[in-house]
N, C-alpha and C. Protein backbone atom coordinates (compact mmCIF):
# COMPACT_ATOMS: atom_id res chain seq x y z
N MET A 1 38.08 -2.02 -37.53
CA MET A 1 36.62 -1.88 -37.35
C MET A 1 35.91 -2.02 -38.69
N LEU A 2 34.77 -2.72 -38.69
CA LEU A 2 33.91 -2.86 -39.86
C LEU A 2 32.75 -1.88 -39.72
N ILE A 3 32.53 -1.06 -40.74
CA ILE A 3 31.42 -0.10 -40.74
C ILE A 3 30.63 -0.28 -42.03
N ILE A 4 29.38 -0.65 -41.89
CA ILE A 4 28.48 -0.79 -43.04
C ILE A 4 27.45 0.34 -42.98
N LYS A 5 27.38 1.14 -44.05
CA LYS A 5 26.51 2.30 -44.07
C LYS A 5 25.52 2.22 -45.24
N ASN A 6 24.24 2.23 -44.91
CA ASN A 6 23.16 2.34 -45.90
C ASN A 6 23.32 1.36 -47.06
N LEU A 7 23.64 0.12 -46.72
CA LEU A 7 23.88 -0.90 -47.74
C LEU A 7 22.56 -1.40 -48.32
N SER A 8 22.46 -1.37 -49.64
CA SER A 8 21.27 -1.87 -50.33
C SER A 8 21.68 -2.80 -51.46
N LYS A 9 20.87 -3.82 -51.67
CA LYS A 9 21.13 -4.79 -52.74
C LYS A 9 19.81 -5.36 -53.24
N SER A 10 19.63 -5.36 -54.55
CA SER A 10 18.44 -5.94 -55.16
C SER A 10 18.84 -6.96 -56.20
N PHE A 11 17.95 -7.92 -56.41
CA PHE A 11 18.07 -8.87 -57.52
C PHE A 11 16.83 -8.68 -58.39
N GLY A 12 17.03 -8.00 -59.52
CA GLY A 12 15.87 -7.63 -60.32
C GLY A 12 15.00 -6.65 -59.55
N LYS A 13 13.71 -6.95 -59.43
CA LYS A 13 12.79 -6.06 -58.71
C LYS A 13 12.72 -6.38 -57.22
N LYS A 14 13.41 -7.44 -56.80
CA LYS A 14 13.36 -7.84 -55.40
C LYS A 14 14.49 -7.18 -54.60
N LYS A 15 14.12 -6.31 -53.67
CA LYS A 15 15.12 -5.67 -52.82
C LYS A 15 15.39 -6.58 -51.63
N VAL A 16 16.63 -7.03 -51.52
CA VAL A 16 17.01 -7.98 -50.48
C VAL A 16 17.55 -7.25 -49.25
N LEU A 17 18.39 -6.24 -49.48
CA LEU A 17 18.93 -5.42 -48.40
C LEU A 17 18.51 -3.97 -48.65
N ASN A 18 18.02 -3.31 -47.61
CA ASN A 18 17.48 -1.97 -47.78
C ASN A 18 18.05 -1.03 -46.72
N ASN A 19 19.08 -0.28 -47.10
CA ASN A 19 19.68 0.72 -46.21
C ASN A 19 20.11 0.14 -44.87
N VAL A 20 20.85 -0.94 -44.92
CA VAL A 20 21.34 -1.60 -43.71
C VAL A 20 22.61 -0.90 -43.22
N SER A 21 22.66 -0.58 -41.94
CA SER A 21 23.83 0.04 -41.33
C SER A 21 24.13 -0.60 -39.99
N PHE A 22 25.38 -0.94 -39.76
CA PHE A 22 25.85 -1.37 -38.44
C PHE A 22 27.37 -1.38 -38.44
N CYS A 23 27.96 -1.53 -37.27
CA CYS A 23 29.41 -1.60 -37.18
C CYS A 23 29.81 -2.67 -36.17
N MET A 24 31.05 -3.14 -36.28
CA MET A 24 31.58 -4.09 -35.31
C MET A 24 33.07 -3.82 -35.11
N ASP A 25 33.52 -4.00 -33.88
CA ASP A 25 34.92 -3.76 -33.54
C ASP A 25 35.75 -5.03 -33.70
N ASP A 26 37.06 -4.85 -33.73
CA ASP A 26 37.97 -5.98 -33.73
C ASP A 26 37.72 -6.82 -32.47
N HIS A 27 37.87 -8.12 -32.61
CA HIS A 27 37.72 -9.08 -31.52
C HIS A 27 36.26 -9.35 -31.13
N GLU A 28 35.32 -8.61 -31.72
CA GLU A 28 33.91 -8.90 -31.43
C GLU A 28 33.46 -10.16 -32.16
N ILE A 29 32.51 -10.85 -31.56
CA ILE A 29 31.82 -11.95 -32.23
C ILE A 29 30.37 -11.50 -32.40
N VAL A 30 30.01 -11.17 -33.63
CA VAL A 30 28.69 -10.62 -33.91
C VAL A 30 27.86 -11.66 -34.64
N CYS A 31 26.69 -11.96 -34.11
CA CYS A 31 25.75 -12.86 -34.79
C CYS A 31 24.69 -12.03 -35.49
N LEU A 32 24.55 -12.24 -36.78
CA LEU A 32 23.56 -11.56 -37.60
C LEU A 32 22.37 -12.50 -37.79
N MET A 33 21.21 -12.06 -37.30
CA MET A 33 20.04 -12.94 -37.30
C MET A 33 18.88 -12.29 -38.04
N GLY A 34 17.89 -13.10 -38.36
CA GLY A 34 16.71 -12.62 -39.07
C GLY A 34 16.05 -13.76 -39.82
N LYS A 35 14.85 -13.53 -40.29
CA LYS A 35 14.10 -14.56 -40.99
C LYS A 35 14.76 -14.91 -42.32
N SER A 36 14.45 -16.08 -42.84
CA SER A 36 14.94 -16.48 -44.15
C SER A 36 14.50 -15.49 -45.21
N GLY A 37 15.39 -15.18 -46.14
CA GLY A 37 15.06 -14.26 -47.21
C GLY A 37 15.30 -12.80 -46.89
N MET A 38 15.82 -12.51 -45.70
CA MET A 38 16.05 -11.12 -45.31
C MET A 38 17.41 -10.60 -45.77
N GLY A 39 18.23 -11.46 -46.37
CA GLY A 39 19.47 -10.97 -46.96
C GLY A 39 20.72 -11.17 -46.13
N LYS A 40 20.65 -12.06 -45.14
CA LYS A 40 21.82 -12.28 -44.27
C LYS A 40 23.01 -12.81 -45.06
N THR A 41 22.76 -13.87 -45.82
CA THR A 41 23.85 -14.44 -46.62
C THR A 41 24.27 -13.49 -47.73
N THR A 42 23.33 -12.76 -48.30
CA THR A 42 23.66 -11.77 -49.32
C THR A 42 24.60 -10.71 -48.76
N LEU A 43 24.37 -10.31 -47.52
CA LEU A 43 25.25 -9.33 -46.89
C LEU A 43 26.68 -9.88 -46.79
N LEU A 44 26.81 -11.14 -46.39
CA LEU A 44 28.13 -11.75 -46.33
C LEU A 44 28.77 -11.80 -47.71
N ARG A 45 27.99 -12.11 -48.72
CA ARG A 45 28.52 -12.20 -50.08
C ARG A 45 28.94 -10.82 -50.60
N CYS A 46 28.23 -9.77 -50.21
CA CYS A 46 28.65 -8.41 -50.56
C CYS A 46 29.97 -8.07 -49.87
N LEU A 47 30.07 -8.44 -48.62
CA LEU A 47 31.28 -8.17 -47.85
C LEU A 47 32.48 -8.89 -48.45
N ASN A 48 32.26 -10.07 -49.01
CA ASN A 48 33.32 -10.86 -49.62
C ASN A 48 33.46 -10.59 -51.12
N GLN A 49 32.72 -9.62 -51.64
CA GLN A 49 32.75 -9.22 -53.04
C GLN A 49 32.32 -10.33 -53.99
N LEU A 50 31.52 -11.25 -53.49
CA LEU A 50 30.90 -12.25 -54.35
C LEU A 50 29.64 -11.69 -55.00
N GLU A 51 29.13 -10.57 -54.45
CA GLU A 51 28.05 -9.79 -55.03
C GLU A 51 28.47 -8.32 -54.99
N THR A 52 28.04 -7.55 -55.99
CA THR A 52 28.29 -6.11 -55.97
C THR A 52 27.15 -5.42 -55.21
N ILE A 53 27.45 -4.29 -54.60
CA ILE A 53 26.42 -3.56 -53.86
C ILE A 53 25.77 -2.52 -54.76
N ASP A 54 24.47 -2.26 -54.53
CA ASP A 54 23.75 -1.27 -55.33
C ASP A 54 23.99 0.14 -54.81
N SER A 55 24.03 0.29 -53.49
CA SER A 55 24.30 1.60 -52.90
C SER A 55 24.79 1.39 -51.47
N GLY A 56 25.43 2.45 -50.94
CA GLY A 56 26.00 2.36 -49.61
C GLY A 56 27.49 2.07 -49.66
N THR A 57 28.09 1.91 -48.50
CA THR A 57 29.53 1.63 -48.41
C THR A 57 29.81 0.58 -47.35
N ILE A 58 30.92 -0.13 -47.56
CA ILE A 58 31.46 -1.05 -46.57
C ILE A 58 32.89 -0.61 -46.31
N GLN A 59 33.21 -0.29 -45.06
CA GLN A 59 34.55 0.15 -44.69
C GLN A 59 35.17 -0.84 -43.71
N LEU A 60 36.43 -1.13 -43.92
CA LEU A 60 37.14 -2.05 -43.05
C LEU A 60 38.60 -1.60 -42.93
N ASN A 61 38.95 -1.11 -41.74
CA ASN A 61 40.34 -0.73 -41.45
C ASN A 61 40.96 0.14 -42.54
N GLY A 62 40.22 1.17 -42.95
CA GLY A 62 40.74 2.11 -43.95
C GLY A 62 40.47 1.74 -45.39
N LEU A 63 39.94 0.54 -45.63
CA LEU A 63 39.56 0.12 -46.98
C LEU A 63 38.06 0.35 -47.18
N THR A 64 37.67 0.69 -48.40
CA THR A 64 36.26 1.00 -48.65
C THR A 64 35.76 0.32 -49.92
N LEU A 65 34.57 -0.29 -49.82
CA LEU A 65 33.84 -0.77 -50.99
C LEU A 65 32.64 0.12 -51.20
N SER A 66 32.37 0.49 -52.46
CA SER A 66 31.22 1.33 -52.75
C SER A 66 30.57 0.89 -54.06
N THR A 67 29.50 1.57 -54.44
CA THR A 67 28.71 1.20 -55.61
C THR A 67 29.55 1.17 -56.88
N GLY A 68 29.43 0.08 -57.63
CA GLY A 68 30.08 -0.02 -58.92
C GLY A 68 31.58 -0.24 -58.87
N GLN A 69 32.12 -0.42 -57.69
CA GLN A 69 33.58 -0.57 -57.56
C GLN A 69 34.02 -1.95 -58.01
N LYS A 70 35.16 -2.00 -58.70
CA LYS A 70 35.71 -3.28 -59.09
C LYS A 70 36.26 -4.01 -57.87
N LYS A 71 36.49 -5.30 -58.01
CA LYS A 71 36.99 -6.08 -56.89
C LYS A 71 38.32 -5.53 -56.39
N ASP A 72 38.42 -5.43 -55.09
CA ASP A 72 39.60 -4.88 -54.43
C ASP A 72 40.35 -6.03 -53.77
N LYS A 73 41.55 -6.34 -54.27
CA LYS A 73 42.30 -7.49 -53.76
C LYS A 73 42.67 -7.32 -52.30
N ALA A 74 43.00 -6.09 -51.89
CA ALA A 74 43.34 -5.85 -50.49
C ALA A 74 42.14 -6.12 -49.59
N PHE A 75 40.96 -5.72 -50.06
CA PHE A 75 39.73 -5.97 -49.29
C PHE A 75 39.43 -7.46 -49.24
N GLN A 76 39.60 -8.13 -50.39
CA GLN A 76 39.38 -9.57 -50.43
C GLN A 76 40.27 -10.30 -49.45
N LYS A 77 41.52 -9.87 -49.36
CA LYS A 77 42.46 -10.51 -48.44
C LYS A 77 42.06 -10.29 -47.00
N ALA A 78 41.38 -9.16 -46.72
CA ALA A 78 41.03 -8.80 -45.35
C ALA A 78 39.78 -9.50 -44.83
N VAL A 79 39.07 -10.19 -45.72
CA VAL A 79 37.81 -10.84 -45.33
C VAL A 79 37.84 -12.31 -45.72
N GLY A 80 37.58 -13.18 -44.74
CA GLY A 80 37.49 -14.61 -45.00
C GLY A 80 36.07 -15.09 -44.86
N LEU A 81 35.71 -16.14 -45.56
CA LEU A 81 34.34 -16.67 -45.51
C LEU A 81 34.37 -18.19 -45.40
N VAL A 82 33.66 -18.71 -44.40
CA VAL A 82 33.44 -20.15 -44.26
C VAL A 82 32.01 -20.41 -44.72
N PHE A 83 31.86 -21.05 -45.87
CA PHE A 83 30.55 -21.28 -46.46
C PHE A 83 29.74 -22.29 -45.65
N GLN A 84 28.43 -22.22 -45.78
CA GLN A 84 27.55 -23.13 -45.06
C GLN A 84 27.85 -24.59 -45.40
N ASN A 85 28.11 -24.85 -46.69
CA ASN A 85 28.40 -26.23 -47.13
C ASN A 85 29.90 -26.45 -47.35
N TYR A 86 30.70 -25.55 -46.78
CA TYR A 86 32.17 -25.63 -46.75
C TYR A 86 32.83 -25.34 -48.11
N ASN A 87 32.22 -25.82 -49.22
CA ASN A 87 32.74 -25.54 -50.57
C ASN A 87 34.20 -25.95 -50.75
N LEU A 88 34.58 -27.05 -50.17
CA LEU A 88 35.92 -27.60 -50.41
C LEU A 88 35.93 -28.29 -51.78
N PHE A 89 37.02 -28.13 -52.51
CA PHE A 89 37.11 -28.77 -53.83
C PHE A 89 37.33 -30.27 -53.64
N PRO A 90 36.43 -31.11 -54.17
CA PRO A 90 36.50 -32.54 -53.88
C PRO A 90 37.70 -33.26 -54.47
N HIS A 91 38.28 -32.70 -55.56
CA HIS A 91 39.40 -33.36 -56.24
C HIS A 91 40.75 -32.90 -55.68
N TRP A 92 40.75 -32.07 -54.67
CA TRP A 92 41.97 -31.63 -54.00
C TRP A 92 42.02 -32.17 -52.59
N THR A 93 43.22 -32.47 -52.11
CA THR A 93 43.38 -32.85 -50.71
C THR A 93 43.09 -31.62 -49.83
N ILE A 94 43.00 -31.85 -48.53
CA ILE A 94 42.76 -30.74 -47.61
C ILE A 94 43.90 -29.72 -47.70
N LEU A 95 45.12 -30.19 -47.77
CA LEU A 95 46.25 -29.28 -47.89
C LEU A 95 46.17 -28.47 -49.17
N GLU A 96 45.84 -29.13 -50.27
CA GLU A 96 45.72 -28.44 -51.56
C GLU A 96 44.60 -27.41 -51.53
N ASN A 97 43.49 -27.74 -50.87
CA ASN A 97 42.39 -26.79 -50.72
C ASN A 97 42.86 -25.52 -50.02
N CYS A 98 43.79 -25.67 -49.09
CA CYS A 98 44.26 -24.53 -48.30
C CYS A 98 45.31 -23.69 -49.02
N ILE A 99 46.16 -24.32 -49.83
CA ILE A 99 47.31 -23.60 -50.38
C ILE A 99 47.15 -23.15 -51.82
N ASN A 100 46.27 -23.79 -52.58
CA ASN A 100 46.28 -23.54 -54.03
C ASN A 100 45.92 -22.10 -54.41
N ALA A 101 44.92 -21.52 -53.75
CA ALA A 101 44.52 -20.15 -54.10
C ALA A 101 45.61 -19.13 -53.79
N PRO A 102 46.16 -19.09 -52.57
CA PRO A 102 47.21 -18.10 -52.31
C PRO A 102 48.46 -18.29 -53.16
N VAL A 103 48.77 -19.53 -53.52
CA VAL A 103 49.94 -19.76 -54.38
C VAL A 103 49.62 -19.31 -55.82
N TYR A 104 48.44 -19.66 -56.31
CA TYR A 104 48.05 -19.28 -57.67
C TYR A 104 48.05 -17.76 -57.85
N HIS A 105 47.55 -17.04 -56.82
CA HIS A 105 47.49 -15.58 -56.90
C HIS A 105 48.80 -14.92 -56.48
N GLN A 106 49.83 -15.75 -56.27
CA GLN A 106 51.18 -15.27 -55.94
C GLN A 106 51.21 -14.41 -54.69
N LEU A 107 50.37 -14.80 -53.71
CA LEU A 107 50.34 -14.09 -52.44
C LEU A 107 51.36 -14.65 -51.46
N MET A 108 51.84 -15.86 -51.75
CA MET A 108 52.93 -16.46 -50.99
C MET A 108 53.50 -17.60 -51.81
N SER A 109 54.73 -18.01 -51.48
CA SER A 109 55.32 -19.14 -52.18
C SER A 109 54.66 -20.44 -51.74
N LYS A 110 54.86 -21.49 -52.52
CA LYS A 110 54.28 -22.77 -52.14
C LYS A 110 54.83 -23.25 -50.80
N LYS A 111 56.12 -23.06 -50.59
CA LYS A 111 56.73 -23.46 -49.32
C LYS A 111 56.12 -22.70 -48.15
N GLU A 112 55.95 -21.38 -48.31
CA GLU A 112 55.34 -20.56 -47.26
C GLU A 112 53.90 -21.00 -47.00
N ALA A 113 53.17 -21.28 -48.09
CA ALA A 113 51.76 -21.68 -47.96
C ALA A 113 51.64 -23.01 -47.22
N ILE A 114 52.50 -23.96 -47.55
CA ILE A 114 52.46 -25.27 -46.88
C ILE A 114 52.77 -25.10 -45.39
N GLN A 115 53.78 -24.33 -45.07
CA GLN A 115 54.13 -24.12 -43.67
C GLN A 115 52.98 -23.48 -42.90
N LYS A 116 52.37 -22.47 -43.49
CA LYS A 116 51.26 -21.78 -42.82
C LYS A 116 50.05 -22.71 -42.68
N ALA A 117 49.72 -23.43 -43.76
CA ALA A 117 48.58 -24.34 -43.72
C ALA A 117 48.77 -25.43 -42.67
N GLU A 118 49.96 -26.01 -42.62
CA GLU A 118 50.21 -27.08 -41.65
C GLU A 118 50.13 -26.55 -40.22
N SER A 119 50.59 -25.33 -40.00
CA SER A 119 50.49 -24.73 -38.67
C SER A 119 49.04 -24.53 -38.27
N LEU A 120 48.23 -24.02 -39.20
CA LEU A 120 46.81 -23.79 -38.91
C LEU A 120 46.05 -25.11 -38.76
N LEU A 121 46.37 -26.09 -39.59
CA LEU A 121 45.74 -27.40 -39.47
C LEU A 121 46.06 -28.04 -38.12
N GLN A 122 47.28 -27.81 -37.64
CA GLN A 122 47.65 -28.31 -36.33
C GLN A 122 46.82 -27.62 -35.24
N GLU A 123 46.64 -26.31 -35.37
CA GLU A 123 45.80 -25.57 -34.41
C GLU A 123 44.37 -26.11 -34.40
N MET A 124 43.88 -26.46 -35.58
CA MET A 124 42.51 -26.96 -35.71
C MET A 124 42.41 -28.47 -35.44
N GLN A 125 43.54 -29.07 -35.11
CA GLN A 125 43.60 -30.49 -34.74
C GLN A 125 43.18 -31.44 -35.86
N ILE A 126 43.55 -31.06 -37.10
CA ILE A 126 43.28 -31.96 -38.23
C ILE A 126 44.50 -32.07 -39.15
N LEU A 127 45.68 -31.85 -38.60
CA LEU A 127 46.88 -31.95 -39.43
C LEU A 127 47.04 -33.34 -40.02
N GLU A 128 46.63 -34.38 -39.28
CA GLU A 128 46.78 -35.75 -39.78
C GLU A 128 45.90 -36.02 -40.99
N GLU A 129 44.96 -35.12 -41.27
CA GLU A 129 44.06 -35.29 -42.43
C GLU A 129 44.50 -34.46 -43.63
N LYS A 130 45.70 -33.89 -43.60
CA LYS A 130 46.10 -32.95 -44.66
C LYS A 130 46.14 -33.58 -46.04
N ASN A 131 46.42 -34.88 -46.13
CA ASN A 131 46.47 -35.55 -47.43
C ASN A 131 45.18 -36.31 -47.76
N SER A 132 44.16 -36.09 -46.94
CA SER A 132 42.86 -36.72 -47.19
C SER A 132 42.03 -35.86 -48.13
N TYR A 133 41.03 -36.49 -48.74
CA TYR A 133 40.11 -35.76 -49.60
C TYR A 133 38.84 -35.44 -48.81
N PRO A 134 38.14 -34.35 -49.16
CA PRO A 134 36.99 -33.92 -48.37
C PRO A 134 35.93 -34.99 -48.13
N ASN A 135 35.71 -35.87 -49.11
CA ASN A 135 34.64 -36.85 -48.94
C ASN A 135 34.94 -37.91 -47.88
N THR A 136 36.18 -37.93 -47.38
CA THR A 136 36.53 -38.89 -46.33
C THR A 136 36.43 -38.28 -44.94
N LEU A 137 36.11 -37.00 -44.85
CA LEU A 137 36.08 -36.29 -43.57
C LEU A 137 34.67 -36.17 -43.02
N SER A 138 34.58 -36.05 -41.71
CA SER A 138 33.29 -35.77 -41.07
C SER A 138 32.91 -34.31 -41.30
N GLY A 139 31.67 -33.96 -40.99
CA GLY A 139 31.22 -32.57 -41.15
C GLY A 139 32.06 -31.61 -40.32
N GLY A 140 32.37 -32.00 -39.10
CA GLY A 140 33.19 -31.15 -38.24
C GLY A 140 34.59 -30.95 -38.77
N GLN A 141 35.18 -32.01 -39.33
CA GLN A 141 36.52 -31.91 -39.91
C GLN A 141 36.51 -31.03 -41.17
N LYS A 142 35.47 -31.17 -41.99
CA LYS A 142 35.36 -30.31 -43.17
C LYS A 142 35.27 -28.85 -42.77
N GLN A 143 34.51 -28.59 -41.71
CA GLN A 143 34.37 -27.21 -41.25
C GLN A 143 35.71 -26.65 -40.77
N ARG A 144 36.47 -27.45 -40.04
CA ARG A 144 37.78 -27.01 -39.57
C ARG A 144 38.72 -26.74 -40.75
N ALA A 145 38.65 -27.60 -41.76
CA ALA A 145 39.46 -27.39 -42.96
C ALA A 145 39.05 -26.09 -43.67
N ALA A 146 37.75 -25.84 -43.72
CA ALA A 146 37.26 -24.62 -44.36
C ALA A 146 37.70 -23.38 -43.58
N ILE A 147 37.76 -23.48 -42.26
CA ILE A 147 38.24 -22.38 -41.43
C ILE A 147 39.71 -22.11 -41.72
N VAL A 148 40.51 -23.17 -41.82
CA VAL A 148 41.93 -23.01 -42.13
C VAL A 148 42.09 -22.31 -43.47
N ARG A 149 41.35 -22.77 -44.48
CA ARG A 149 41.44 -22.15 -45.80
C ARG A 149 41.10 -20.65 -45.72
N ALA A 150 40.06 -20.31 -44.96
CA ALA A 150 39.64 -18.92 -44.84
C ALA A 150 40.65 -18.07 -44.07
N CYS A 151 41.46 -18.71 -43.24
CA CYS A 151 42.44 -17.98 -42.41
C CYS A 151 43.82 -17.87 -43.05
N MET A 152 44.00 -18.44 -44.22
CA MET A 152 45.33 -18.50 -44.82
C MET A 152 45.93 -17.11 -45.07
N LEU A 153 45.10 -16.11 -45.32
CA LEU A 153 45.60 -14.77 -45.63
C LEU A 153 45.44 -13.81 -44.46
N ASP A 154 45.29 -14.36 -43.25
CA ASP A 154 45.19 -13.54 -42.04
C ASP A 154 44.11 -12.48 -42.15
N PRO A 155 42.86 -12.88 -42.37
CA PRO A 155 41.79 -11.89 -42.53
C PRO A 155 41.55 -11.09 -41.25
N LYS A 156 41.04 -9.85 -41.43
CA LYS A 156 40.66 -9.02 -40.30
C LYS A 156 39.24 -9.34 -39.83
N ILE A 157 38.43 -9.83 -40.77
CA ILE A 157 37.07 -10.27 -40.47
C ILE A 157 36.90 -11.68 -41.02
N LEU A 158 36.39 -12.58 -40.18
CA LEU A 158 36.10 -13.95 -40.62
C LEU A 158 34.59 -14.17 -40.53
N CYS A 159 33.98 -14.51 -41.67
CA CYS A 159 32.53 -14.67 -41.75
C CYS A 159 32.15 -16.15 -41.77
N PHE A 160 31.09 -16.48 -41.05
CA PHE A 160 30.55 -17.84 -41.04
C PHE A 160 29.09 -17.78 -41.49
N ASP A 161 28.72 -18.64 -42.42
CA ASP A 161 27.33 -18.73 -42.88
C ASP A 161 26.71 -20.00 -42.30
N GLU A 162 25.83 -19.83 -41.31
CA GLU A 162 25.12 -20.93 -40.66
C GLU A 162 26.07 -22.06 -40.24
N PRO A 163 27.02 -21.80 -39.36
CA PRO A 163 28.03 -22.81 -39.02
C PRO A 163 27.51 -24.02 -38.27
N THR A 164 26.30 -23.94 -37.70
CA THR A 164 25.78 -25.08 -36.93
C THR A 164 24.59 -25.76 -37.59
N SER A 165 24.30 -25.39 -38.83
CA SER A 165 23.05 -25.87 -39.46
C SER A 165 22.98 -27.38 -39.60
N ALA A 166 24.14 -28.04 -39.78
CA ALA A 166 24.15 -29.49 -39.99
C ALA A 166 24.76 -30.23 -38.80
N LEU A 167 24.87 -29.57 -37.64
CA LEU A 167 25.57 -30.16 -36.51
C LEU A 167 24.62 -30.47 -35.35
N ASP A 168 24.98 -31.51 -34.58
CA ASP A 168 24.23 -31.80 -33.38
C ASP A 168 24.66 -30.84 -32.26
N ALA A 169 24.00 -30.94 -31.11
CA ALA A 169 24.24 -29.99 -30.02
C ALA A 169 25.69 -30.02 -29.54
N GLU A 170 26.27 -31.20 -29.41
CA GLU A 170 27.65 -31.31 -28.93
C GLU A 170 28.63 -30.71 -29.94
N SER A 171 28.41 -30.97 -31.21
CA SER A 171 29.28 -30.40 -32.25
C SER A 171 29.14 -28.88 -32.29
N ALA A 172 27.92 -28.38 -32.08
CA ALA A 172 27.69 -26.94 -32.06
C ALA A 172 28.45 -26.29 -30.91
N ARG A 173 28.50 -26.95 -29.77
CA ARG A 173 29.26 -26.42 -28.63
C ARG A 173 30.75 -26.36 -28.96
N LYS A 174 31.25 -27.36 -29.67
CA LYS A 174 32.66 -27.36 -30.06
C LYS A 174 32.95 -26.22 -31.03
N VAL A 175 32.02 -25.97 -31.95
CA VAL A 175 32.19 -24.86 -32.89
C VAL A 175 32.21 -23.53 -32.14
N ALA A 176 31.33 -23.40 -31.15
CA ALA A 176 31.29 -22.17 -30.35
C ALA A 176 32.63 -21.94 -29.66
N ALA A 177 33.19 -23.01 -29.07
CA ALA A 177 34.48 -22.90 -28.39
C ALA A 177 35.58 -22.53 -29.37
N MET A 178 35.54 -23.12 -30.56
CA MET A 178 36.54 -22.86 -31.59
C MET A 178 36.48 -21.40 -32.05
N ILE A 179 35.27 -20.87 -32.23
CA ILE A 179 35.10 -19.49 -32.66
C ILE A 179 35.59 -18.52 -31.58
N LYS A 180 35.33 -18.84 -30.33
CA LYS A 180 35.82 -17.99 -29.23
C LYS A 180 37.34 -17.95 -29.22
N GLU A 181 37.98 -19.08 -29.51
CA GLU A 181 39.44 -19.11 -29.57
C GLU A 181 39.95 -18.27 -30.74
N LEU A 182 39.28 -18.36 -31.89
CA LEU A 182 39.68 -17.57 -33.05
C LEU A 182 39.59 -16.07 -32.76
N SER A 183 38.59 -15.67 -31.99
CA SER A 183 38.39 -14.25 -31.72
C SER A 183 39.47 -13.66 -30.82
N LYS A 184 40.27 -14.51 -30.18
CA LYS A 184 41.37 -14.03 -29.34
C LYS A 184 42.52 -13.50 -30.19
N LYS A 185 42.54 -13.88 -31.47
CA LYS A 185 43.52 -13.33 -32.39
C LYS A 185 43.05 -11.95 -32.83
N GLU A 186 43.83 -11.27 -33.64
CA GLU A 186 43.42 -9.95 -34.13
C GLU A 186 42.42 -10.12 -35.26
N ILE A 187 41.21 -10.54 -34.90
CA ILE A 187 40.22 -10.88 -35.91
C ILE A 187 38.82 -10.65 -35.34
N GLY A 188 37.93 -10.14 -36.18
CA GLY A 188 36.52 -10.04 -35.82
C GLY A 188 35.76 -11.18 -36.46
N ILE A 189 34.72 -11.63 -35.81
CA ILE A 189 33.93 -12.76 -36.31
C ILE A 189 32.50 -12.29 -36.58
N LEU A 190 32.03 -12.51 -37.80
CA LEU A 190 30.65 -12.17 -38.18
C LEU A 190 29.95 -13.45 -38.60
N ILE A 191 28.87 -13.79 -37.89
CA ILE A 191 28.20 -15.08 -38.08
C ILE A 191 26.74 -14.88 -38.48
N VAL A 192 26.33 -15.47 -39.57
CA VAL A 192 24.92 -15.57 -39.92
C VAL A 192 24.39 -16.87 -39.33
N THR A 193 23.33 -16.78 -38.55
CA THR A 193 22.77 -17.98 -37.92
C THR A 193 21.28 -17.81 -37.63
N HIS A 194 20.57 -18.95 -37.63
CA HIS A 194 19.19 -19.00 -37.16
C HIS A 194 19.11 -19.54 -35.73
N ASP A 195 20.24 -20.01 -35.22
CA ASP A 195 20.28 -20.74 -33.96
C ASP A 195 20.40 -19.77 -32.78
N GLU A 196 19.28 -19.51 -32.13
CA GLU A 196 19.24 -18.55 -31.02
C GLU A 196 20.15 -18.98 -29.87
N HIS A 197 20.11 -20.26 -29.53
CA HIS A 197 20.94 -20.75 -28.42
C HIS A 197 22.41 -20.58 -28.72
N PHE A 198 22.81 -20.94 -29.92
CA PHE A 198 24.20 -20.78 -30.34
C PHE A 198 24.61 -19.31 -30.30
N ALA A 199 23.75 -18.44 -30.80
CA ALA A 199 24.05 -17.01 -30.83
C ALA A 199 24.24 -16.46 -29.42
N GLU A 200 23.38 -16.88 -28.51
CA GLU A 200 23.49 -16.41 -27.12
C GLU A 200 24.79 -16.91 -26.49
N GLU A 201 25.20 -18.13 -26.85
CA GLU A 201 26.39 -18.73 -26.25
C GLU A 201 27.67 -18.11 -26.78
N VAL A 202 27.73 -17.83 -28.07
CA VAL A 202 29.02 -17.49 -28.68
C VAL A 202 29.24 -15.99 -28.87
N SER A 203 28.17 -15.20 -29.01
CA SER A 203 28.33 -13.82 -29.47
C SER A 203 28.64 -12.83 -28.35
N THR A 204 29.31 -11.77 -28.74
CA THR A 204 29.43 -10.60 -27.86
C THR A 204 28.34 -9.59 -28.20
N LYS A 205 27.74 -9.74 -29.39
CA LYS A 205 26.65 -8.85 -29.80
C LYS A 205 25.78 -9.57 -30.83
N ILE A 206 24.46 -9.39 -30.70
CA ILE A 206 23.52 -9.94 -31.67
C ILE A 206 22.87 -8.78 -32.43
N ILE A 207 22.88 -8.87 -33.75
CA ILE A 207 22.25 -7.87 -34.60
C ILE A 207 21.12 -8.56 -35.36
N ARG A 208 19.90 -8.00 -35.23
CA ARG A 208 18.76 -8.58 -35.93
C ARG A 208 18.46 -7.73 -37.15
N LEU A 209 18.56 -8.37 -38.31
CA LEU A 209 18.52 -7.64 -39.58
C LEU A 209 17.20 -6.90 -39.77
N ASP A 210 16.09 -7.45 -39.27
CA ASP A 210 14.81 -6.79 -39.45
C ASP A 210 14.74 -5.46 -38.71
N GLU A 211 15.56 -5.30 -37.68
CA GLU A 211 15.59 -4.04 -36.93
C GLU A 211 16.47 -2.98 -37.60
N LEU A 212 17.25 -3.40 -38.61
CA LEU A 212 18.14 -2.47 -39.30
C LEU A 212 17.54 -1.96 -40.61
N THR A 213 16.54 -2.67 -41.11
CA THR A 213 16.00 -2.36 -42.43
C THR A 213 15.13 -1.12 -42.38
N ALA A 214 15.42 -0.16 -43.26
CA ALA A 214 14.65 1.07 -43.30
C ALA A 214 13.30 0.86 -43.95
């Protein structure tokens, strides 16, 4: 279970998150919605420790992040993030994008990483693209590759930042189906989106950030 309590974050004098609290259970698909500038992506970045929190706590399956805490590797491993623009390294093949980080951080051997990546790429139906570079892939293929990379360490929570922002209606439906399949594993899905139709289709719960702000 993910529990966020009284989370606040400011950049200079601008308070982006103000005492935000909510929780989500395993296997839930939660869509986090709200106007631009309300801190949706910032919340994901705090959860992934790409930003430090000013106050409050984030708890996940017995792990806790709090104010001023250094990066927690166990927490990092428990949370995956699929960026809005995928953030695949252009000079690496898709396979290299998936395996290089866990191998570099000695979280698994290269052989183990390749086996796991190829299995996940097969699930995502892009195994034949493993030796391709990101610039040769379609937007949907890049997204699938980014999902595989985020799943390499078996996260307990998988975060998506605007997964349908650059997709047409048919591609968005495919993404919704793919996310529903992912949620059948022991994983919770947290999605930042502006797309009301997508949120209604894919989510088990919708949280509107403006209703959480104190």
